Amino acid sequence: MKFTKAERVFMRGHPEVNERWLQDRIGEDPAILGLGKDLVLLNKEIIQPKAGRLDLLLGGSPGSSQRYEVEIQLGRTDESHIIRTLEYWDIERKRYPQYDHTAVIVAEDVTSRFLNVISLFNGFIPLINLQVAALQVTDYLVLQFTKVLDQVQLGVDEVDPDGQPASRADWEQRSSREVLAIVDDFHSIIKELDQAFELKYNKQFIALARNGKPDNFVVFQPRKQWLRVGLALTQSDDNTAALERAGLKPEYDPKWHRYGAHRRIRHS
């Protein structure tokens, strides 16, 4: 087997390789980012209201609720790039609240200061930072993506992020009585196991409490026409089949060891 040394090529300022070139390569095969082999390109250069253009919007496999807002920067990272990325992520999550959105920053040179700034957001905003290196091997250019900051989210077992409770009436305005009726059905099933479980209405989700203490092995995120349910279950064929029989479309997240399932409501 022959060996050859790869040479690092810096794309910023390169006469042939630029940000648009990198954007096109990712768009052709989003799996090269290392965020999932089933990633697909949904759109690119998306005009944002009064906020420029989002480089890439990626989605998971068909039926997946996951979306990635990807921003690319060649050369060193800077603070304006963080703000732009988070702004685009916030616009997209508000525009399409039925999806799970993650901000992704792709940069050539991730400085320690920049990493420290990003770390302040991580845990409150689902954020991933990838460092990209272009390596020349003979006549070929190879792209290498390294995850320097992984996605960290607040656990659903914590208190509501805003620290403020909500009421049933609040959720009836934000969602619908039909969707909340399904939440009640779930709650009734849970109470058959233990009468001490009660619904706890938070601003971001509806959780469970047992004897006044949070016990969120199930959380609910009602919307106008659909309900998302998060369940702390071990992945198995039996559990997946049981969720499907309940009229849900389950997806298992191995990182968080939790099922996410949707149920759409058909209004008469």
Protein backbone atom coordinates (compact mmCIF):
# COMPACT_ATOMS: atom_id res chain seq x y z
CA MET A 1 0.00 0.00 0.00
CA LYS A 2 1.44 3.36 -1.04
CA PHE A 3 1.54 6.39 1.23
CA THR A 4 1.32 10.05 0.27
CA LYS A 5 1.19 13.15 2.39
CA ALA A 6 -1.88 15.40 2.28
CA GLU A 7 -1.39 19.15 2.05
CA ARG A 8 -3.74 21.56 3.86
CA VAL A 9 -5.41 24.02 1.50
CA PHE A 10 -6.97 27.13 2.98
CA MET A 11 -10.13 27.97 1.08
CA ARG A 12 -10.47 31.60 2.10
CA GLY A 13 -8.83 33.67 -0.61
CA HIS A 14 -8.22 30.62 -2.82
CA PRO A 15 -8.61 31.44 -6.55
CA GLU A 16 -10.73 28.37 -7.30
CA VAL A 17 -12.16 27.06 -4.03
CA ASN A 18 -14.52 29.44 -2.24
CA GLU A 19 -17.57 29.42 0.05
CA ARG A 20 -19.99 28.78 -2.81
CA TRP A 21 -17.89 25.79 -3.91
CA LEU A 22 -18.00 24.35 -0.37
CA GLN A 23 -21.73 25.01 -0.17
CA ASP A 24 -22.28 23.09 -3.41
CA ARG A 25 -20.22 20.11 -2.22
CA ILE A 26 -22.23 19.87 1.01
CA GLY A 27 -25.47 20.27 -0.93
CA GLU A 28 -24.52 17.38 -3.25
CA ASP A 29 -23.84 15.05 -0.32
CA PRO A 30 -24.92 16.41 3.10
CA ALA A 31 -23.76 13.16 4.75
CA ILE A 32 -20.15 14.42 4.53
CA LEU A 33 -20.87 16.64 7.53
CA GLY A 34 -21.11 13.56 9.73
CA LEU A 35 -24.54 14.47 11.13
CA GLY A 36 -26.34 11.50 9.63
CA LYS A 37 -26.14 9.37 6.50
CA ASP A 38 -29.76 10.12 5.53
CA LEU A 39 -29.42 13.91 5.49
CA VAL A 40 -30.91 15.63 2.45
CA LEU A 41 -30.68 19.16 1.06
CA LEU A 42 -34.00 20.97 1.44
CA ASN A 43 -32.95 24.39 0.19
CA LYS A 44 -30.02 26.79 -0.02
CA GLU A 45 -29.47 30.55 -0.09
CA ILE A 46 -32.83 31.04 1.63
CA ILE A 47 -33.74 34.71 1.90
CA GLN A 48 -34.48 35.64 5.51
CA PRO A 49 -36.72 38.62 6.33
CA LYS A 50 -34.37 41.57 6.98
CA ALA A 51 -31.58 39.14 7.84
CA GLY A 52 -29.66 38.06 4.75
CA ARG A 53 -29.56 34.50 3.39
CA LEU A 54 -29.34 31.12 5.12
CA ASP A 55 -26.62 29.08 3.40
CA LEU A 56 -28.14 25.60 3.68
CA LEU A 57 -31.27 24.01 5.12
CA LEU A 58 -30.90 20.26 5.66
CA GLY A 59 -33.43 17.66 6.74
CA GLY A 60 -33.34 14.12 8.02
CA SER A 61 -34.71 11.00 6.40
CA PRO A 62 -38.26 11.12 4.95
CA GLY A 63 -40.71 11.64 7.79
CA SER A 64 -38.04 12.93 10.17
CA SER A 65 -38.77 16.03 12.24
CA GLN A 66 -35.12 17.11 12.31
CA ARG A 67 -33.88 20.19 10.44
CA TYR A 68 -30.43 21.78 10.41
CA GLU A 69 -29.79 25.47 9.68
CA VAL A 70 -26.21 25.49 8.34
CA GLU A 71 -24.00 28.55 8.01
CA ILE A 72 -20.56 28.41 6.38
CA GLN A 73 -17.59 30.68 7.06
CA LEU A 74 -14.16 30.33 5.53
CA GLY A 75 -11.14 31.47 7.49
CA ARG A 76 -11.41 32.30 11.19
CA THR A 77 -14.69 32.35 13.02
CA ASP A 78 -15.99 35.62 14.45
CA GLU A 79 -18.78 36.87 16.67
CA SER A 80 -20.91 38.18 13.80
CA HIS A 81 -21.02 34.67 12.37
CA ILE A 82 -22.48 33.34 15.63
CA ILE A 83 -25.16 36.03 15.68
CA ARG A 84 -26.07 35.43 12.04
CA THR A 85 -26.32 31.67 12.52
CA LEU A 86 -28.51 31.94 15.62
CA GLU A 87 -30.69 34.57 13.97
CA TYR A 88 -31.38 32.30 10.98
CA TRP A 89 -32.02 29.34 13.30
CA ASP A 90 -34.52 31.40 15.31
CA ILE A 91 -36.37 32.58 12.18
CA GLU A 92 -36.70 29.04 10.80
CA ARG A 93 -37.85 27.48 14.09
CA LYS A 94 -40.57 30.14 14.43
CA ARG A 95 -41.59 29.72 10.80
CA TYR A 96 -41.78 25.91 11.05
CA PRO A 97 -42.42 25.02 14.73
CA GLN A 98 -43.47 21.45 13.83
CA TYR A 99 -39.78 20.55 13.30
CA ASP A 100 -36.82 20.12 15.66
CA HIS A 101 -34.26 22.73 14.61
CA THR A 102 -30.50 22.69 15.19
CA ALA A 103 -28.07 25.49 14.32
CA VAL A 104 -24.85 24.34 12.63
CA ILE A 105 -21.75 26.51 12.19
CA VAL A 106 -19.15 25.28 9.67
CA ALA A 107 -15.83 27.13 9.75
CA GLU A 108 -12.24 26.60 8.62
CA ASP A 109 -10.54 27.84 11.75
CA VAL A 110 -12.31 27.59 15.09
CA THR A 111 -10.46 29.76 17.61
CA SER A 112 -10.53 29.03 21.34
CA ARG A 113 -12.13 32.42 22.05
CA PHE A 114 -14.90 31.71 19.55
CA LEU A 115 -15.42 28.26 21.07
CA ASN A 116 -15.78 29.80 24.52
CA VAL A 117 -18.42 32.23 23.24
CA ILE A 118 -20.38 29.45 21.53
CA SER A 119 -20.25 27.34 24.69
CA LEU A 120 -22.23 30.04 26.47
CA PHE A 121 -25.17 29.33 24.16
CA ASN A 122 -24.86 25.57 24.15
CA GLY A 123 -27.34 24.00 26.53
CA PHE A 124 -29.87 26.71 25.80
CA ILE A 125 -29.76 26.55 22.00
CA PRO A 126 -29.24 23.31 20.05
CA LEU A 127 -25.94 24.17 18.40
CA ILE A 128 -23.24 22.19 16.58
CA ASN A 129 -19.85 23.53 15.50
CA LEU A 130 -17.91 21.80 12.72
CA GLN A 131 -14.37 22.62 11.62
CA VAL A 132 -13.72 21.91 7.96
CA ALA A 133 -10.29 21.23 6.46
CA ALA A 134 -9.54 20.96 2.74
CA LEU A 135 -6.73 18.49 2.08
CA GLN A 136 -5.05 18.10 -1.29
CA VAL A 137 -4.00 14.54 -2.17
CA THR A 138 -2.30 14.40 -5.58
CA ASP A 139 -4.93 15.86 -7.95
CA TYR A 140 -7.83 15.52 -5.54
CA LEU A 141 -9.21 17.82 -2.87
CA VAL A 142 -10.61 16.03 0.19
CA LEU A 143 -12.92 17.67 2.74
CA GLN A 144 -12.62 16.65 6.38
CA PHE A 145 -15.24 17.75 8.93
CA THR A 146 -14.45 17.57 12.64
CA LYS A 147 -17.11 18.14 15.30
CA VAL A 148 -15.55 20.49 17.86
CA LEU A 149 -18.79 21.26 19.70
CA ASP A 150 -21.67 18.81 19.87
CA GLN A 151 -25.32 19.54 20.41
CA VAL A 152 -26.34 19.87 24.04
CA GLN A 153 -29.93 20.62 24.99
CA LEU A 154 -31.65 21.32 28.25
CA GLY A 155 -33.11 18.14 29.66
CA VAL A 156 -36.88 17.97 29.78
CA ASP A 157 -36.63 16.88 33.41
CA GLU A 158 -35.62 20.42 34.35
CA VAL A 159 -37.97 23.28 35.13
CA ASP A 160 -39.41 25.38 32.35
CA PRO A 161 -36.67 27.51 30.70
CA ASP A 162 -38.54 30.74 31.40
CA GLY A 163 -39.17 29.71 34.99
CA GLN A 164 -42.86 30.54 34.62
CA PRO A 165 -45.80 28.15 34.87
CA ALA A 166 -48.68 28.12 32.42
CA SER A 167 -52.31 27.07 32.68
CA ARG A 168 -54.71 24.82 30.81
CA ALA A 169 -56.38 27.93 29.38
CA ASP A 170 -53.03 29.16 28.01
CA TRP A 171 -52.53 25.89 26.14
CA GLU A 172 -56.08 25.89 24.79
CA GLN A 173 -55.30 29.22 23.13
CA ARG A 174 -51.93 28.09 21.78
CA SER A 175 -53.10 24.65 20.71
CA SER A 176 -56.68 23.36 20.49
CA ARG A 177 -59.15 21.49 22.68
CA GLU A 178 -58.99 18.50 20.33
CA VAL A 179 -55.23 18.18 20.78
CA LEU A 180 -55.44 18.65 24.53
CA ALA A 181 -58.10 15.93 24.65
CA ILE A 182 -55.46 13.52 23.35
CA VAL A 183 -53.09 14.70 26.10
CA ASP A 184 -55.90 13.89 28.55
CA ASP A 185 -56.22 10.40 27.05
CA PHE A 186 -52.51 9.80 27.63
CA HIS A 187 -52.84 11.15 31.16
CA SER A 188 -55.74 8.78 31.89
CA ILE A 189 -53.65 5.80 30.80
CA ILE A 190 -50.75 6.95 33.00
CA LYS A 191 -53.08 7.41 36.00
CA GLU A 192 -54.17 3.79 35.63
CA LEU A 193 -50.59 2.93 36.56
CA ASP A 194 -50.31 5.49 39.35
CA GLN A 195 -53.07 7.89 40.46
CA ALA A 196 -50.46 10.32 41.83
CA PHE A 197 -49.44 11.54 38.37
CA GLU A 198 -50.81 14.96 37.38
CA LEU A 199 -50.28 17.16 34.35
CA LYS A 200 -47.96 20.12 34.88
CA TYR A 201 -48.48 23.00 32.43
CA ASN A 202 -45.27 24.85 31.52
CA LYS A 203 -44.80 27.56 28.91
CA GLN A 204 -42.75 25.36 26.59
CA PHE A 205 -44.35 21.95 27.15
CA ILE A 206 -46.81 19.98 29.26
CA ALA A 207 -45.06 17.67 31.69
CA LEU A 208 -45.88 15.27 34.51
CA ALA A 209 -45.58 15.64 38.24
CA ARG A 210 -45.91 12.97 40.88
CA ASN A 211 -46.80 14.13 44.38
CA GLY A 212 -45.79 17.65 43.33
CA LYS A 213 -42.35 16.64 42.01
CA PRO A 214 -41.42 16.60 38.27
CA ASP A 215 -41.30 13.08 36.83
CA ASN A 216 -41.07 13.66 33.11
CA PHE A 217 -40.75 10.26 31.54
CA VAL A 218 -43.38 11.62 29.14
CA VAL A 219 -43.62 15.22 27.87
CA PHE A 220 -46.16 16.77 25.49
CA GLN A 221 -45.77 19.59 22.98
CA PRO A 222 -49.24 20.42 21.64
CA ARG A 223 -49.72 22.47 18.47
CA LYS A 224 -52.84 23.56 16.59
CA GLN A 225 -53.21 20.41 14.50
CA TRP A 226 -50.73 17.94 15.91
CA LEU A 227 -49.17 16.65 19.10
CA ARG A 228 -45.53 15.75 19.72
CA VAL A 229 -44.87 13.27 22.52
CA GLY A 230 -41.46 12.55 24.02
CA LEU A 231 -41.11 9.19 25.78
CA ALA A 232 -38.17 7.88 27.78
CA LEU A 233 -38.35 4.30 26.48
CA THR A 234 -35.72 1.77 25.49
CA GLN A 235 -35.66 1.25 21.76
CA SER A 236 -37.20 -2.06 20.74
CA ASP A 237 -39.43 -3.47 18.01
CA ASP A 238 -42.18 -4.02 20.56
CA ASN A 239 -42.10 -0.41 21.77
CA THR A 240 -42.03 0.94 18.22
CA ALA A 241 -44.96 -1.27 17.23
CA ALA A 242 -46.95 -0.24 20.31
CA LEU A 243 -46.51 3.44 19.48
CA GLU A 244 -47.57 2.83 15.89
CA ARG A 245 -50.69 0.99 17.09
CA ALA A 246 -51.50 4.07 19.17
CA GLY A 247 -51.64 6.11 15.98
CA LEU A 248 -48.21 7.74 16.45
CA LYS A 249 -45.24 8.00 14.10
CA PRO A 250 -42.28 7.20 16.34
CA GLU A 251 -38.64 8.17 15.81
CA TYR A 252 -35.95 7.07 18.24
CA ASP A 253 -33.08 9.36 19.21
CA PRO A 254 -30.21 7.12 20.39
CA LYS A 255 -28.29 10.09 21.77
CA TRP A 256 -31.01 11.04 24.23
CA HIS A 257 -32.44 7.50 24.64
CA ARG A 258 -35.92 8.82 23.96
CA TYR A 259 -38.68 8.30 21.44
CA GLY A 260 -40.22 11.29 19.71
CA ALA A 261 -43.63 10.69 18.21
CA HIS A 262 -46.15 12.81 16.34
CA ARG A 263 -49.88 12.54 15.96
CA ARG A 264 -51.75 14.81 13.56
CA ILE A 265 -55.31 15.83 14.29
CA ARG A 266 -57.95 15.77 11.60
CA HIS A 267 -60.58 18.37 12.36
CA SER A 268 -64.09 17.60 11.20
